[in-house]
Protein backbone atom coordinates (compact mmCIF):
# COMPACT_ATOMS: atom_id res chain seq x y z
CA THR A 1 0.00 0.00 0.00
CA SER A 2 1.10 3.54 -0.67
CA VAL A 3 1.87 6.13 1.96
CA MET A 4 -1.33 7.99 1.04
CA GLU A 5 -3.44 4.85 1.49
CA ARG A 6 -1.90 4.16 4.90
CA THR A 7 -2.39 7.76 5.94
CA LEU A 8 -6.03 7.76 4.83
CA LYS A 9 -6.62 4.50 6.68
CA ARG A 10 -5.16 6.04 9.85
CA LEU A 11 -7.23 9.21 9.46
CA ARG A 12 -10.43 7.26 8.84
CA SER A 13 -9.81 5.22 11.99
CA ARG A 14 -9.56 8.47 13.97
CA ASN A 15 -12.46 10.10 12.18
CA TYR A 16 -14.64 11.15 15.09
CA LEU A 17 -16.68 13.45 12.88
CA GLY A 18 -18.06 11.03 10.35
CA LEU A 19 -16.38 12.84 7.45
CA SER A 20 -16.24 10.93 4.19
CA THR A 21 -12.94 9.81 2.68
CA GLU A 22 -13.43 12.45 -0.02
CA GLU A 23 -13.90 15.17 2.59
CA ILE A 24 -10.74 14.09 4.42
CA ILE A 25 -8.79 14.08 1.14
CA LYS A 26 -10.10 17.56 0.32
CA MET A 27 -9.04 18.81 3.77
CA VAL A 28 -5.56 17.33 3.36
CA LYS A 29 -5.17 18.76 -0.14
CA SER A 30 -6.20 22.24 0.95
CA VAL A 31 -4.17 22.19 4.17
CA PRO A 32 -1.51 19.45 4.18
CA LEU A 33 -0.59 20.25 7.78
CA VAL A 34 -3.93 18.70 8.75
CA LEU A 35 -2.07 15.38 8.61
CA LYS A 36 0.15 16.47 11.49
CA GLN A 37 -2.71 18.11 13.39
CA TRP A 38 -5.25 15.28 13.15
CA ASN A 39 -4.44 14.20 16.72
CA LYS A 40 -5.82 17.57 17.87
CA ILE A 41 -9.27 16.80 16.54
CA SER A 42 -10.61 15.15 19.70
CA PRO A 43 -9.71 18.06 22.04
CA LEU A 44 -11.01 20.51 19.43
CA ILE A 45 -14.34 18.67 19.19
CA CYS A 46 -14.62 18.67 22.99
CA PHE A 47 -13.87 22.40 23.15
CA LEU A 48 -16.32 23.32 20.40
CA ALA A 49 -19.06 21.05 21.76
CA ASP A 50 -18.64 21.74 25.48
CA ASP A 51 -17.30 25.30 25.70
CA ALA A 52 -18.70 26.83 22.52
CA ASN A 53 -21.95 24.80 22.61
CA CYS A 54 -21.63 23.70 18.97
CA THR A 55 -23.47 20.71 17.58
CA MET A 56 -21.59 17.96 15.74
CA LYS A 57 -23.16 19.19 12.49
CA GLN A 58 -21.80 22.71 13.13
CA ILE A 59 -18.34 21.32 13.93
CA GLN A 60 -18.35 19.27 10.72
CA ARG A 61 -19.33 22.38 8.77
CA MET A 62 -16.51 24.41 10.32
CA LEU A 63 -13.86 21.80 9.58
CA ARG A 64 -15.09 21.26 6.03
CA ARG A 65 -15.01 24.98 5.33
CA TYR A 66 -11.94 25.86 7.36
CA PRO A 67 -9.69 22.87 8.17
CA GLN A 68 -7.02 25.32 9.36
CA LEU A 69 -9.01 25.32 12.59
CA LEU A 70 -6.95 22.28 13.58
CA GLN A 71 -3.79 24.38 13.54
CA TYR A 72 -4.81 26.81 16.25
CA SER A 73 -4.23 26.45 19.95
CA ILE A 74 -7.38 26.05 21.99
CA GLU A 75 -5.89 27.72 25.07
CA ASN A 76 -3.92 30.48 23.37
CA LYS A 77 -6.14 31.36 20.42
CA LEU A 78 -9.64 29.88 20.42
CA LYS A 79 -10.72 30.33 24.06
CA PRO A 80 -9.56 33.96 24.29
CA LYS A 81 -11.23 34.76 20.96
CA MET A 82 -14.47 33.12 22.08
CA LEU A 83 -14.45 35.15 25.29
CA PHE A 84 -13.71 38.36 23.38
CA LEU A 85 -16.49 37.74 20.85
CA CYS A 86 -19.06 36.79 23.46
CA THR A 87 -18.21 39.87 25.51
CA GLU A 88 -18.12 42.34 22.62
CA LEU A 89 -21.20 40.96 20.88
CA ASP A 90 -22.99 40.62 24.22
CA ILE A 91 -23.81 37.00 23.59
CA TYR A 92 -23.08 34.00 25.70
CA ASN A 93 -21.71 30.71 24.52
CA SER A 94 -24.67 28.94 26.13
CA SER A 95 -26.99 30.58 23.60
CA ASP A 96 -27.45 29.41 20.03
CA ASP A 97 -26.03 32.65 18.65
CA PHE A 98 -22.33 32.01 19.17
CA PRO A 99 -22.22 28.48 17.69
CA ARG A 100 -24.30 29.63 14.73
CA ILE A 101 -21.96 32.56 14.08
CA ILE A 102 -18.77 30.50 14.16
CA ALA A 103 -20.31 27.64 12.17
CA PHE A 104 -21.15 29.97 9.30
CA PHE A 105 -18.11 32.23 9.65
CA PRO A 106 -15.29 30.16 11.22
CA THR A 107 -12.70 32.65 10.01
CA ILE A 108 -14.02 35.12 12.57
CA LEU A 109 -12.01 33.15 15.14
CA PHE A 110 -8.77 34.16 13.44
CA LEU A 111 -9.23 37.87 12.96
CA SER A 112 -7.21 40.09 15.26
CA GLU A 113 -9.06 41.85 18.07
CA PRO A 114 -8.52 45.33 16.52
CA THR A 115 -9.94 44.06 13.21
CA LEU A 116 -12.90 42.50 14.98
CA MET A 117 -13.52 45.69 16.97
CA ALA A 118 -13.52 47.71 13.76
CA LYS A 119 -16.05 45.34 12.21
CA ILE A 120 -18.22 45.27 15.34
CA THR A 121 -18.14 49.05 15.59
CA PHE A 122 -19.10 49.34 11.94
CA LEU A 123 -22.14 47.13 12.48
């Protein structure tokens, strides 16, 4: 078997999200570093489900649209950004608003705070 076949087999065995083989291949092609970050998927799912109150369907959507999510630190990047957004938008992660926002616009988690403030102020 080729390296790619072995890698896909390994990824499928750790596929907690129910993504298809084609979706995994697409993620790897768009962001090859996903291969190295795949072991971060379980903590990321727990964070998004428990802390951000996202459904599995929303998490799947985020990773399909923005697989780079696997590259970011939960503690250093995602949690602080979630707190900032919830505070500035006056929403709470227990509501449906926050998970819906990040599911449709996952890139919002990676904008700098000054950029986000400018966008929030504009709205």
